[in-house]
PDB file of all heavy atoms in Angstrom:
ATOM      1  N   TRP A   1      64.810  91.805  83.254  1.00  0.00           N
ATOM      2  CA  TRP A   1      63.537  91.658  83.939  1.00  0.00           C
ATOM      3  C   TRP A   1      63.501  90.318  84.649  1.00  0.00           C
ATOM      4  O   TRP A   1      63.932  89.310  84.091  1.00  0.00           O
ATOM      5  CB  TRP A   1      62.387  91.736  82.940  1.00  0.00           C
ATOM      6  CG  TRP A   1      62.108  93.115  82.416  1.00  0.00           C
ATOM      7  CD1 TRP A   1      62.615  93.678  81.283  1.00  0.00           C
ATOM      8  CD2 TRP A   1      61.252  94.094  83.003  1.00  0.00           C
ATOM      9  NE1 TRP A   1      62.139  94.952  81.118  1.00  0.00           N
ATOM     10  CE2 TRP A   1      61.281  95.237  82.168  1.00  0.00           C
ATOM     11  CE3 TRP A   1      60.464  94.123  84.148  1.00  0.00           C
ATOM     12  CZ2 TRP A   1      60.562  96.386  82.447  1.00  0.00           C
ATOM     13  CZ3 TRP A   1      59.732  95.266  84.428  1.00  0.00           C
ATOM     14  CH2 TRP A   1      59.782  96.387  83.593  1.00  0.00           C
ATOM     15  N   ILE A   2      62.980  90.315  85.874  1.00  0.00           N
ATOM     16  CA  ILE A   2      62.901  89.106  86.680  1.00  0.00           C
ATOM     17  C   ILE A   2      61.464  88.935  87.169  1.00  0.00           C
ATOM     18  O   ILE A   2      60.853  89.884  87.668  1.00  0.00           O
ATOM     19  CB  ILE A   2      63.843  89.169  87.900  1.00  0.00           C
ATOM     20  CG1 ILE A   2      65.284  89.405  87.451  1.00  0.00           C
ATOM     21  CG2 ILE A   2      63.732  87.905  88.725  1.00  0.00           C
ATOM     22  CD1 ILE A   2      65.875  88.282  86.635  1.00  0.00           C
ATOM     23  N   ASN A   3      60.922  87.719  87.019  1.00  0.00           N
ATOM     24  CA  ASN A   3      59.589  87.427  87.541  1.00  0.00           C
ATOM     25  C   ASN A   3      59.715  86.516  88.750  1.00  0.00           C
ATOM     26  O   ASN A   3      60.263  85.417  88.653  1.00  0.00           O
ATOM     27  CB  ASN A   3      58.717  86.757  86.475  1.00  0.00           C
ATOM     28  CG  ASN A   3      57.284  86.589  86.933  1.00  0.00           C
ATOM     29  OD1 ASN A   3      56.973  85.728  87.754  1.00  0.00           O
ATOM     30  ND2 ASN A   3      56.402  87.419  86.409  1.00  0.00           N
ATOM     31  N   GLN A   4      59.206  86.983  89.884  1.00  0.00           N
ATOM     32  CA  GLN A   4      59.211  86.186  91.105  1.00  0.00           C
ATOM     33  C   GLN A   4      57.844  86.288  91.763  1.00  0.00           C
ATOM     34  O   GLN A   4      57.330  87.390  92.006  1.00  0.00           O
ATOM     35  CB  GLN A   4      60.290  86.670  92.080  1.00  0.00           C
ATOM     36  CG  GLN A   4      61.702  86.380  91.624  1.00  0.00           C
ATOM     37  CD  GLN A   4      62.729  86.763  92.674  1.00  0.00           C
ATOM     38  OE1 GLN A   4      62.429  87.467  93.629  1.00  0.00           O
ATOM     39  NE2 GLN A   4      63.951  86.302  92.508  1.00  0.00           N
ATOM     40  N   ASN A   5      57.275  85.110  92.034  1.00  0.00           N
ATOM     41  CA  ASN A   5      55.968  85.054  92.696  1.00  0.00           C
ATOM     42  C   ASN A   5      54.936  85.921  91.977  1.00  0.00           C
ATOM     43  O   ASN A   5      54.158  86.654  92.601  1.00  0.00           O
ATOM     44  CB  ASN A   5      56.094  85.482  94.165  1.00  0.00           C
ATOM     45  CG  ASN A   5      57.051  84.597  94.942  1.00  0.00           C
ATOM     46  OD1 ASN A   5      57.101  83.396  94.731  1.00  0.00           O
ATOM     47  ND2 ASN A   5      57.827  85.204  95.833  1.00  0.00           N
ATOM     48  N   ASN A   6      54.962  85.835  90.641  1.00  0.00           N
ATOM     49  CA  ASN A   6      54.010  86.549  89.783  1.00  0.00           C
ATOM     50  C   ASN A   6      54.149  88.069  89.867  1.00  0.00           C
ATOM     51  O   ASN A   6      53.215  88.798  89.543  1.00  0.00           O
ATOM     52  CB  ASN A   6      52.566  86.141  90.112  1.00  0.00           C
ATOM     53  CG  ASN A   6      52.300  84.679  89.810  1.00  0.00           C
ATOM     54  OD1 ASN A   6      52.771  84.165  88.797  1.00  0.00           O
ATOM     55  ND2 ASN A   6      51.566  84.010  90.678  1.00  0.00           N
ATOM     56  N   LYS A   7      55.297  88.557  90.282  1.00  0.00           N
ATOM     57  CA  LYS A   7      55.591  89.978  90.278  1.00  0.00           C
ATOM     58  C   LYS A   7      56.858  90.221  89.465  1.00  0.00           C
ATOM     59  O   LYS A   7      57.776  89.396  89.489  1.00  0.00           O
ATOM     60  CB  LYS A   7      55.779  90.513  91.698  1.00  0.00           C
ATOM     61  CG  LYS A   7      54.508  90.528  92.541  1.00  0.00           C
ATOM     62  CD  LYS A   7      54.773  91.166  93.899  1.00  0.00           C
ATOM     63  CE  LYS A   7      53.501  91.239  94.733  1.00  0.00           C
ATOM     64  NZ  LYS A   7      53.738  91.903  96.057  1.00  0.00           N
ATOM     65  N   TRP A   8      56.882  91.356  88.756  1.00  0.00           N
ATOM     66  CA  TRP A   8      58.035  91.679  87.933  1.00  0.00           C
ATOM     67  C   TRP A   8      58.973  92.648  88.659  1.00  0.00           C
ATOM     68  O   TRP A   8      58.518  93.580  89.330  1.00  0.00           O
ATOM     69  CB  TRP A   8      57.593  92.301  86.613  1.00  0.00           C
ATOM     70  CG  TRP A   8      57.056  91.282  85.653  1.00  0.00           C
ATOM     71  CD1 TRP A   8      55.753  90.995  85.381  1.00  0.00           C
ATOM     72  CD2 TRP A   8      57.831  90.403  84.829  1.00  0.00           C
ATOM     73  NE1 TRP A   8      55.650  89.989  84.457  1.00  0.00           N
ATOM     74  CE2 TRP A   8      56.914  89.605  84.100  1.00  0.00           C
ATOM     75  CE3 TRP A   8      59.195  90.208  84.643  1.00  0.00           C
ATOM     76  CZ2 TRP A   8      57.329  88.638  83.198  1.00  0.00           C
ATOM     77  CZ3 TRP A   8      59.614  89.233  83.743  1.00  0.00           C
ATOM     78  CH2 TRP A   8      58.689  88.473  83.039  1.00  0.00           C
ATOM     79  N   TYR A   9      60.268  92.404  88.488  1.00  0.00           N
ATOM     80  CA  TYR A   9      61.317  93.231  89.060  1.00  0.00           C
ATOM     81  C   TYR A   9      62.330  93.522  87.959  1.00  0.00           C
ATOM     82  O   TYR A   9      62.371  92.840  86.925  1.00  0.00           O
ATOM     83  CB  TYR A   9      62.015  92.535  90.230  1.00  0.00           C
ATOM     84  CG  TYR A   9      61.087  92.147  91.358  1.00  0.00           C
ATOM     85  CD1 TYR A   9      60.349  90.965  91.297  1.00  0.00           C
ATOM     86  CD2 TYR A   9      60.949  92.940  92.487  1.00  0.00           C
ATOM     87  CE1 TYR A   9      59.493  90.602  92.321  1.00  0.00           C
ATOM     88  CE2 TYR A   9      60.097  92.584  93.526  1.00  0.00           C
ATOM     89  CZ  TYR A   9      59.372  91.408  93.436  1.00  0.00           C
ATOM     90  OH  TYR A   9      58.527  91.051  94.449  1.00  0.00           O
ATOM     91  N   TYR A  10      63.186  94.521  88.205  1.00  0.00           N
ATOM     92  CA  TYR A  10      64.234  94.826  87.233  1.00  0.00           C
ATOM     93  C   TYR A  10      65.583  94.787  87.932  1.00  0.00           C
ATOM     94  O   TYR A  10      65.877  95.602  88.811  1.00  0.00           O
ATOM     95  CB  TYR A  10      64.014  96.198  86.595  1.00  0.00           C
ATOM     96  CG  TYR A  10      64.884  96.422  85.386  1.00  0.00           C
ATOM     97  CD1 TYR A  10      64.544  95.861  84.155  1.00  0.00           C
ATOM     98  CD2 TYR A  10      66.057  97.173  85.469  1.00  0.00           C
ATOM     99  CE1 TYR A  10      65.339  96.046  83.042  1.00  0.00           C
ATOM    100  CE2 TYR A  10      66.858  97.364  84.362  1.00  0.00           C
ATOM    101  CZ  TYR A  10      66.502  96.798  83.148  1.00  0.00           C
ATOM    102  OH  TYR A  10      67.292  96.971  82.039  1.00  0.00           O
ATOM    103  N   LEU A  11      66.390  93.778  87.545  1.00  0.00           N
ATOM    104  CA  LEU A  11      67.717  93.596  88.127  1.00  0.00           C
ATOM    105  C   LEU A  11      68.708  94.480  87.386  1.00  0.00           C
ATOM    106  O   LEU A  11      68.844  94.403  86.171  1.00  0.00           O
ATOM    107  CB  LEU A  11      68.136  92.127  88.028  1.00  0.00           C
ATOM    108  CG  LEU A  11      69.498  91.763  88.601  1.00  0.00           C
ATOM    109  CD1 LEU A  11      69.493  91.953  90.113  1.00  0.00           C
ATOM    110  CD2 LEU A  11      69.863  90.321  88.254  1.00  0.00           C
ATOM    111  N   GLN A  12      69.414  95.324  88.142  1.00  0.00           N
ATOM    112  CA  GLN A  12      70.362  96.255  87.546  1.00  0.00           C
ATOM    113  C   GLN A  12      71.762  95.649  87.464  1.00  0.00           C
ATOM    114  O   GLN A  12      72.031  94.588  88.031  1.00  0.00           O
ATOM    115  CB  GLN A  12      70.380  97.555  88.361  1.00  0.00           C
ATOM    116  CG  GLN A  12      69.002  98.206  88.462  1.00  0.00           C
ATOM    117  CD  GLN A  12      69.008  99.442  89.326  1.00  0.00           C
ATOM    118  OE1 GLN A  12      68.932 100.557  88.821  1.00  0.00           O
ATOM    119  NE2 GLN A  12      69.100  99.263  90.647  1.00  0.00           N
ATOM    120  N   ASN A  13      72.650  96.324  86.764  1.00  0.00           N
ATOM    121  CA  ASN A  13      74.010  95.822  86.556  1.00  0.00           C
ATOM    122  C   ASN A  13      74.772  95.601  87.855  1.00  0.00           C
ATOM    123  O   ASN A  13      75.650  94.738  87.937  1.00  0.00           O
ATOM    124  CB  ASN A  13      74.802  96.779  85.663  1.00  0.00           C
ATOM    125  CG  ASN A  13      74.388  96.672  84.205  1.00  0.00           C
ATOM    126  OD1 ASN A  13      73.967  95.617  83.754  1.00  0.00           O
ATOM    127  ND2 ASN A  13      74.494  97.764  83.476  1.00  0.00           N
ATOM    128  N   ASP A  14      74.445  96.393  88.880  1.00  0.00           N
ATOM    129  CA  ASP A  14      75.177  96.257  90.142  1.00  0.00           C
ATOM    130  C   ASP A  14      74.606  95.160  91.035  1.00  0.00           C
ATOM    131  O   ASP A  14      75.039  94.992  92.178  1.00  0.00           O
ATOM    132  CB  ASP A  14      75.193  97.589  90.896  1.00  0.00           C
ATOM    133  CG  ASP A  14      73.785  98.070  91.257  1.00  0.00           C
ATOM    134  OD1 ASP A  14      72.804  97.364  90.942  1.00  0.00           O
ATOM    135  OD2 ASP A  14      73.669  99.163  91.849  1.00  0.00           O
ATOM    136  N   GLY A  15      73.629  94.414  90.518  1.00  0.00           N
ATOM    137  CA  GLY A  15      73.062  93.309  91.287  1.00  0.00           C
ATOM    138  C   GLY A  15      71.915  93.712  92.183  1.00  0.00           C
ATOM    139  O   GLY A  15      71.353  92.851  92.876  1.00  0.00           O
ATOM    140  N   THR A  16      71.532  94.977  92.203  1.00  0.00           N
ATOM    141  CA  THR A  16      70.400  95.433  93.017  1.00  0.00           C
ATOM    142  C   THR A  16      69.167  95.578  92.138  1.00  0.00           C
ATOM    143  O   THR A  16      69.259  95.670  90.901  1.00  0.00           O
ATOM    144  CB  THR A  16      70.706  96.775  93.696  1.00  0.00           C
ATOM    145  OG1 THR A  16      70.899  97.778  92.686  1.00  0.00           O
ATOM    146  CG2 THR A  16      71.953  96.651  94.563  1.00  0.00           C
ATOM    147  N   TYR A  17      68.014  95.608  92.795  1.00  0.00           N
ATOM    148  CA  TYR A  17      66.766  95.788  92.070  1.00  0.00           C
ATOM    149  C   TYR A  17      66.368  97.270  92.052  1.00  0.00           C
ATOM    150  O   TYR A  17      66.583  97.999  93.022  1.00  0.00           O
ATOM    151  CB  TYR A  17      65.653  94.960  92.718  1.00  0.00           C
ATOM    152  CG  TYR A  17      65.769  93.490  92.427  1.00  0.00           C
ATOM    153  CD1 TYR A  17      66.511  92.655  93.253  1.00  0.00           C
ATOM    154  CD2 TYR A  17      65.143  92.929  91.319  1.00  0.00           C
ATOM    155  CE1 TYR A  17      66.632  91.305  92.984  1.00  0.00           C
ATOM    156  CE2 TYR A  17      65.251  91.574  91.039  1.00  0.00           C
ATOM    157  CZ  TYR A  17      66.004  90.772  91.876  1.00  0.00           C
ATOM    158  OH  TYR A  17      66.114  89.427  91.601  1.00  0.00           O
ATOM    159  N   LYS A  18      65.804  97.686  90.958  1.00  0.00           N
ATOM    160  CA  LYS A  18      65.363  99.072  90.819  1.00  0.00           C
ATOM    161  C   LYS A  18      64.176  99.306  91.752  1.00  0.00           C
ATOM    162  O   LYS A  18      63.226  98.525  91.769  1.00  0.00           O
ATOM    163  CB  LYS A  18      64.976  99.339  89.368  1.00  0.00           C
ATOM    164  CG  LYS A  18      64.948 100.809  88.990  1.00  0.00           C
ATOM    165  CD  LYS A  18      64.820 100.970  87.498  1.00  0.00           C
ATOM    166  CE  LYS A  18      64.963 102.437  87.093  1.00  0.00           C
ATOM    167  NZ  LYS A  18      66.313 102.975  87.398  1.00  0.00           N
ATOM    168  N   THR A  19      64.202 100.368  92.523  1.00  0.00           N
ATOM    169  CA  THR A  19      63.127 100.695  93.462  1.00  0.00           C
ATOM    170  C   THR A  19      62.829 102.192  93.412  1.00  0.00           C
ATOM    171  O   THR A  19      63.712 103.007  93.127  1.00  0.00           O
ATOM    172  CB  THR A  19      63.498 100.319  94.906  1.00  0.00           C
ATOM    173  OG1 THR A  19      64.670 101.041  95.302  1.00  0.00           O
ATOM    174  CG2 THR A  19      63.768  98.821  95.043  1.00  0.00           C
ATOM    175  N   ARG A  20      61.547 102.535  93.665  1.00  0.00           N
ATOM    176  CA  ARG A  20      61.096 103.924  93.789  1.00  0.00           C
ATOM    177  C   ARG A  20      61.640 104.797  92.664  1.00  0.00           C
ATOM    178  O   ARG A  20      62.125 105.906  92.886  1.00  0.00           O
ATOM    179  CB  ARG A  20      61.501 104.488  95.150  1.00  0.00           C
ATOM    180  CG  ARG A  20      60.934 103.727  96.332  1.00  0.00           C
ATOM    181  CD  ARG A  20      61.395 104.313  97.640  1.00  0.00           C
ATOM    182  NE  ARG A  20      60.923 105.688  97.801  1.00  0.00           N
ATOM    183  CZ  ARG A  20      61.251 106.470  98.839  1.00  0.00           C
ATOM    184  NH1 ARG A  20      62.064 106.001  99.779  1.00  0.00           N
ATOM    185  NH2 ARG A  20      60.783 107.701  98.912  1.00  0.00           N
ATOM    186  N   SER A  21      61.591 104.288  91.455  1.00  0.00           N
ATOM    187  CA  SER A  21      62.130 105.070  90.333  1.00  0.00           C
ATOM    188  C   SER A  21      61.511 104.589  89.026  1.00  0.00           C
ATOM    189  O   SER A  21      60.900 103.522  88.943  1.00  0.00           O
ATOM    190  CB  SER A  21      63.657 104.938  90.258  1.00  0.00           C
ATOM    191  OG  SER A  21      64.034 103.577  90.155  1.00  0.00           O
ATOM    192  N   TRP A  22      61.673 105.444  87.999  1.00  0.00           N
ATOM    193  CA  TRP A  22      61.143 105.153  86.674  1.00  0.00           C
ATOM    194  C   TRP A  22      62.181 104.402  85.834  1.00  0.00           C
ATOM    195  O   TRP A  22      63.381 104.550  86.022  1.00  0.00           O
ATOM    196  CB  TRP A  22      60.780 106.451  85.956  1.00  0.00           C
ATOM    197  CG  TRP A  22      59.595 107.169  86.547  1.00  0.00           C
ATOM    198  CD1 TRP A  22      59.625 108.186  87.456  1.00  0.00           C
ATOM    199  CD2 TRP A  22      58.228 106.912  86.251  1.00  0.00           C
ATOM    200  NE1 TRP A  22      58.356 108.583  87.764  1.00  0.00           N
ATOM    201  CE2 TRP A  22      57.458 107.827  87.037  1.00  0.00           C
ATOM    202  CE3 TRP A  22      57.554 106.021  85.426  1.00  0.00           C
ATOM    203  CZ2 TRP A  22      56.080 107.866  87.001  1.00  0.00           C
ATOM    204  CZ3 TRP A  22      56.179 106.057  85.381  1.00  0.00           C
ATOM    205  CH2 TRP A  22      55.439 106.959  86.159  1.00  0.00           C
ATOM    206  N   LEU A  23      61.678 103.632  84.878  1.00  0.00           N
ATOM    207  CA  LEU A  23      62.530 102.939  83.903  1.00  0.00           C
ATOM    208  C   LEU A  23      61.889 103.076  82.534  1.00  0.00           C
ATOM    209  O   LEU A  23      60.699 102.791  82.360  1.00  0.00           O
ATOM    210  CB  LEU A  23      62.668 101.456  84.256  1.00  0.00           C
ATOM    211  CG  LEU A  23      63.316 100.577  83.173  1.00  0.00           C
ATOM    212  CD1 LEU A  23      64.815 100.890  83.065  1.00  0.00           C
ATOM    213  CD2 LEU A  23      63.103  99.095  83.452  1.00  0.00           C
ATOM    214  N   GLN A  24      62.677 103.531  81.564  1.00  0.00           N
ATOM    215  CA  GLN A  24      62.221 103.546  80.182  1.00  0.00           C
ATOM    216  C   GLN A  24      62.843 102.365  79.460  1.00  0.00           C
ATOM    217  O   GLN A  24      64.066 102.220  79.403  1.00  0.00           O
ATOM    218  CB  GLN A  24      62.599 104.852  79.478  1.00  0.00           C
ATOM    219  CG  GLN A  24      61.998 104.966  78.081  1.00  0.00           C
ATOM    220  CD  GLN A  24      62.358 106.273  77.395  1.00  0.00           C
ATOM    221  OE1 GLN A  24      63.468 106.789  77.580  1.00  0.00           O
ATOM    222  NE2 GLN A  24      61.444 106.830  76.616  1.00  0.00           N
TER     223      GLN A  24
END
């Protein structure tokens, strides 16, 4: 999990961020 500018993102193993998808 990455917090940038008060927003949370999820950095994946391939170095990209998870987008338009679910995460459990």
